[in-house]
């Protein structure tokens, strides 16, 4: 079997306290290439004559870049197509899958259009159940209302972890973001992605704590990660779960 036909090899190396796993494939090429994918996997394409030791040496040299790329992907919510308010459609809320039930308000019903969660059912009462745009608009408004309540509650719950640090409770903003789960501005305001309302509270807490750490350490330096380790020792597991759960529901 030629080196070119050899299946990919799975390798690992240690960089500081980080373990980098990567696959190596050989091809007719002059230089070595490294790709970090959205699922955080790392693929190394090496020239046919390369040995594993020289490949590992180059991967180690590029370890800081690899970890930055993985961090960027891990904090980036997946792209999601517009959801349509079809009967029996599934909507996620705080890590739960809710099945949509659209109910018609009676003509003499004095109650306004509204939404309620009943066990695993998302019930939406509207005047015209066939008006899908109206149903979707109500759901979007409901998600935002719930996010305002839940995100503030989680912020108030997690902020005492930082009582030894000279920071003030930050202003909180909520908006849809394509490339981040959260951000911390130079003015100290924290912005959270509305899509976080789909995830369970442990993952919301991770993003909030990540951004609160930026009030103390303003970049992703080793000091930032040391602080994150002290405040939330299991943050890596939470980050991985956030990335995995979001990816699993990307096509919903």
Protein backbone atom coordinates (compact mmCIF):
# COMPACT_ATOMS: atom_id res chain seq x y z
CA UNK A 1 0.00 0.00 0.00
CA UNK A 2 1.44 3.37 -0.99
CA UNK A 3 1.58 6.27 1.43
CA UNK A 4 -1.00 8.06 -0.76
CA UNK A 5 -3.50 5.23 -0.23
CA UNK A 6 -2.87 4.99 3.51
CA UNK A 7 -6.00 5.81 5.56
CA UNK A 8 -5.93 8.93 7.71
CA UNK A 9 -4.08 8.60 11.01
CA UNK A 10 -5.45 10.05 14.22
CA UNK A 11 -2.81 11.72 16.36
CA UNK A 12 -2.65 13.87 19.50
CA UNK A 13 -0.18 16.28 21.04
CA UNK A 14 -0.03 18.32 24.23
CA UNK A 15 0.25 22.11 24.11
CA UNK A 16 0.37 23.54 27.61
CA UNK A 17 -2.77 22.24 29.32
CA UNK A 18 -4.54 21.71 25.98
CA UNK A 19 -4.72 18.39 24.14
CA UNK A 20 -4.94 18.82 20.37
CA UNK A 21 -6.34 15.89 18.38
CA UNK A 22 -5.82 15.85 14.63
CA UNK A 23 -6.00 13.54 11.65
CA UNK A 24 -3.19 13.23 9.11
CA UNK A 25 -3.78 12.45 5.44
CA UNK A 26 -1.03 12.21 2.85
CA UNK A 27 -1.20 13.65 -0.65
CA UNK A 28 0.99 14.72 -3.56
CA UNK A 29 1.75 18.23 -2.36
CA UNK A 30 4.84 20.25 -1.51
CA UNK A 31 3.70 21.88 1.72
CA UNK A 32 1.74 20.87 4.79
CA UNK A 33 -1.76 22.31 5.24
CA UNK A 34 -3.88 22.50 8.40
CA UNK A 35 -7.67 22.90 8.42
CA UNK A 36 -9.87 23.50 11.47
CA UNK A 37 -13.50 22.66 10.78
CA UNK A 38 -16.69 23.98 12.34
CA UNK A 39 -17.07 20.74 14.36
CA UNK A 40 -13.67 21.62 15.94
CA UNK A 41 -11.88 18.73 14.20
CA UNK A 42 -8.38 19.35 12.85
CA UNK A 43 -7.14 17.84 9.60
CA UNK A 44 -3.51 17.93 8.48
CA UNK A 45 -2.70 17.32 4.81
CA UNK A 46 0.93 16.34 4.54
CA UNK A 47 3.33 15.64 1.64
CA UNK A 48 3.86 11.94 0.91
CA UNK A 49 7.43 11.95 2.22
CA UNK A 50 6.50 13.49 5.59
CA UNK A 51 7.06 11.50 8.78
CA UNK A 52 4.78 11.83 11.81
CA UNK A 53 7.45 13.52 13.92
CA UNK A 54 7.91 16.37 11.43
CA UNK A 55 4.14 16.70 11.05
CA UNK A 56 3.73 16.93 14.84
CA UNK A 57 6.45 19.56 15.01
CA UNK A 58 4.60 21.79 12.52
CA UNK A 59 1.24 21.19 14.22
CA UNK A 60 2.80 22.20 17.55
CA UNK A 61 4.17 25.36 15.96
CA UNK A 62 0.66 26.26 14.80
CA UNK A 63 -1.03 25.22 18.06
CA UNK A 64 -1.96 28.79 19.13
CA UNK A 65 -3.68 29.39 15.78
CA UNK A 66 -5.49 26.02 15.95
CA UNK A 67 -6.83 26.75 19.44
CA UNK A 68 -7.96 30.23 18.40
CA UNK A 69 -9.84 28.79 15.43
CA UNK A 70 -11.50 26.16 17.61
CA UNK A 71 -12.47 28.85 20.13
CA UNK A 72 -13.98 30.97 17.37
CA UNK A 73 -16.03 28.07 16.04
CA UNK A 74 -17.12 26.98 19.53
CA UNK A 75 -18.50 30.44 20.30
CA UNK A 76 -20.23 30.82 16.96
CA UNK A 77 -23.88 29.78 16.75
CA UNK A 78 -24.78 27.68 13.71
CA UNK A 79 -26.64 29.17 10.80
CA UNK A 80 -30.30 28.27 10.97
CA UNK A 81 -32.83 28.55 8.15
CA UNK A 82 -35.99 30.55 8.87
CA UNK A 83 -38.42 28.41 10.82
CA UNK A 84 -41.96 28.12 9.49
CA UNK A 85 -44.93 27.87 11.81
CA UNK A 86 -46.16 24.56 10.44
CA UNK A 87 -48.50 22.38 12.49
CA UNK A 88 -46.53 20.03 14.77
CA UNK A 89 -43.29 21.96 14.15
CA UNK A 90 -40.71 21.61 16.91
CA UNK A 91 -39.45 24.68 18.78
CA UNK A 92 -36.65 24.59 21.32
CA UNK A 93 -36.88 26.42 24.62
CA UNK A 94 -34.32 26.12 27.44
CA UNK A 95 -33.06 22.81 26.07
CA UNK A 96 -36.52 21.29 25.64
CA UNK A 97 -38.27 20.37 22.39
CA UNK A 98 -41.79 21.82 22.28
CA UNK A 99 -44.35 20.76 19.70
CA UNK A 100 -46.34 23.62 18.19
CA UNK A 101 -50.12 23.67 18.58
CA UNK A 102 -51.93 26.61 16.99
CA UNK A 103 -55.32 27.29 18.55
CA UNK A 104 -58.08 29.53 17.16
CA UNK A 105 -59.49 32.20 19.42
CA UNK A 106 -63.27 32.09 19.46
CA UNK A 107 -64.93 35.10 17.88
CA UNK A 108 -66.39 36.06 21.25
CA UNK A 109 -63.12 35.32 23.10
CA UNK A 110 -62.05 38.43 25.08
CA UNK A 111 -58.50 37.15 25.65
CA UNK A 112 -55.69 38.53 23.47
CA UNK A 113 -53.51 36.41 21.21
CA UNK A 114 -51.06 34.62 23.48
CA UNK A 115 -48.55 31.80 23.96
CA UNK A 116 -48.24 29.28 26.78
CA UNK A 117 -46.02 26.27 27.42
CA UNK A 118 -47.99 23.20 28.49
CA UNK A 119 -45.55 20.36 29.31
CA UNK A 120 -44.01 19.61 25.88
CA UNK A 121 -46.53 21.69 23.90
CA UNK A 122 -46.09 25.27 22.72
CA UNK A 123 -49.68 26.51 22.47
CA UNK A 124 -50.34 29.61 20.40
CA UNK A 125 -53.78 31.22 20.38
CA UNK A 126 -54.47 33.43 17.37
CA UNK A 127 -57.49 34.80 15.56
CA UNK A 128 -56.49 33.15 12.28
CA UNK A 129 -54.47 29.89 12.59
CA UNK A 130 -53.79 29.99 8.85
CA UNK A 131 -51.86 33.25 9.19
CA UNK A 132 -48.42 31.67 9.58
CA UNK A 133 -46.57 34.99 9.51
CA UNK A 134 -48.64 36.17 12.47
CA UNK A 135 -47.96 32.95 14.37
CA UNK A 136 -44.24 33.24 13.69
CA UNK A 137 -44.26 36.90 14.76
CA UNK A 138 -45.92 35.99 18.05
CA UNK A 139 -43.40 33.21 18.69
CA UNK A 140 -40.47 35.52 17.97
CA UNK A 141 -41.90 38.13 20.34
CA UNK A 142 -42.47 35.45 22.98
CA UNK A 143 -38.89 34.18 22.67
CA UNK A 144 -37.57 37.72 23.20
CA UNK A 145 -39.81 38.26 26.24
CA UNK A 146 -38.64 34.99 27.76
CA UNK A 147 -35.00 35.81 26.99
CA UNK A 148 -35.29 39.14 28.81
CA UNK A 149 -36.58 37.35 31.90
CA UNK A 150 -34.32 34.29 31.81
CA UNK A 151 -31.06 36.02 30.84
CA UNK A 152 -31.42 38.66 33.56
CA UNK A 153 -32.23 36.01 36.15
CA UNK A 154 -29.19 33.95 35.16
CA UNK A 155 -26.96 37.06 35.19
CA UNK A 156 -28.12 37.92 38.73
CA UNK A 157 -27.56 34.29 39.76
CA UNK A 158 -24.01 34.08 38.37
CA UNK A 159 -22.72 37.56 39.21
CA UNK A 160 -21.97 36.72 42.90
CA UNK A 161 -19.21 34.39 41.65
CA UNK A 162 -17.29 37.59 40.90
CA UNK A 163 -17.75 39.30 44.28
CA UNK A 164 -13.99 39.35 44.92
CA UNK A 165 -13.40 41.37 41.74
CA UNK A 166 -13.94 45.16 41.44
CA UNK A 167 -16.64 45.05 38.74
CA UNK A 168 -20.21 46.29 38.68
CA UNK A 169 -23.30 44.46 37.47
CA UNK A 170 -23.25 45.14 33.72
CA UNK A 171 -26.03 46.40 31.52
CA UNK A 172 -27.56 43.54 29.53
CA UNK A 173 -28.68 43.67 25.90
CA UNK A 174 -30.24 40.96 23.73
CA UNK A 175 -30.10 40.67 19.97
CA UNK A 176 -29.70 38.12 17.22
CA UNK A 177 -26.06 37.64 16.27
CA UNK A 178 -24.69 35.56 13.41
CA UNK A 179 -21.16 35.00 14.64
CA UNK A 180 -21.22 35.01 18.46
CA UNK A 181 -23.14 33.67 21.43
CA UNK A 182 -22.25 36.79 23.39
CA UNK A 183 -20.02 39.84 23.49
CA UNK A 184 -18.68 42.32 26.03
CA UNK A 185 -18.26 45.90 24.87
CA UNK A 186 -15.56 48.31 26.00
CA UNK A 187 -18.31 50.18 27.85
CA UNK A 188 -18.91 47.10 30.00
CA UNK A 189 -22.26 46.21 28.44
CA UNK A 190 -22.86 42.50 27.82
CA UNK A 191 -24.86 41.43 24.78
CA UNK A 192 -26.32 37.92 24.54
CA UNK A 193 -27.54 36.18 21.41
CA UNK A 194 -31.31 35.69 21.42
CA UNK A 195 -30.70 32.13 20.15
CA UNK A 196 -29.38 31.20 23.59
CA UNK A 197 -32.99 30.97 24.78
CA UNK A 198 -33.12 27.66 22.90
CA UNK A 199 -30.40 26.17 25.16
CA UNK A 200 -30.60 24.99 28.76
CA UNK A 201 -29.63 27.24 31.66
CA UNK A 202 -26.24 25.60 32.26
CA UNK A 203 -25.15 26.65 28.76
CA UNK A 204 -26.63 30.13 29.14
CA UNK A 205 -24.66 30.43 32.38
CA UNK A 206 -21.44 29.46 30.57
CA UNK A 207 -21.83 32.27 28.04
CA UNK A 208 -22.73 34.80 30.75
CA UNK A 209 -19.72 33.82 32.87
CA UNK A 210 -17.47 33.93 29.80
CA UNK A 211 -18.56 37.52 29.12
CA UNK A 212 -18.32 38.53 32.79
CA UNK A 213 -14.71 37.33 32.74
CA UNK A 214 -14.10 39.81 29.93
CA UNK A 215 -14.95 42.62 32.33
CA UNK A 216 -11.73 41.66 34.12
CA UNK A 217 -9.60 40.24 31.29
CA UNK A 218 -10.47 41.93 28.01
CA UNK A 219 -8.99 39.39 25.60
CA UNK A 220 -8.51 35.65 25.26
CA UNK A 221 -5.11 35.59 26.91
CA UNK A 222 -3.83 32.87 29.23
CA UNK A 223 -4.90 35.11 32.11
CA UNK A 224 -8.47 35.10 30.79
CA UNK A 225 -8.59 31.31 30.62
CA UNK A 226 -7.00 31.01 34.06
CA UNK A 227 -9.77 33.24 35.40
CA UNK A 228 -12.42 31.21 33.59
CA UNK A 229 -10.92 28.03 35.08
CA UNK A 230 -11.24 29.49 38.59
CA UNK A 231 -14.79 30.75 38.15
CA UNK A 232 -16.20 27.82 36.13
CA UNK A 233 -13.90 24.76 36.20
CA UNK A 234 -16.14 22.74 33.83
CA UNK A 235 -16.40 25.47 31.19
CA UNK A 236 -14.76 23.31 28.50
CA UNK A 237 -17.41 20.63 28.87
CA UNK A 238 -20.16 23.25 28.73
CA UNK A 239 -18.61 24.87 25.66
CA UNK A 240 -18.43 21.52 23.91
CA UNK A 241 -22.04 20.72 24.80
CA UNK A 242 -23.20 24.12 23.54
CA UNK A 243 -21.41 23.54 20.25
CA UNK A 244 -22.79 20.01 19.91
CA UNK A 245 -26.40 20.72 20.87
CA UNK A 246 -26.58 23.75 18.59
CA UNK A 247 -25.13 21.75 15.68
CA UNK A 248 -27.59 18.90 16.28
CA UNK A 249 -30.51 21.31 15.86
CA UNK A 250 -29.08 23.30 12.97
CA UNK A 251 -31.66 22.02 10.45
CA UNK A 252 -34.72 22.55 12.61
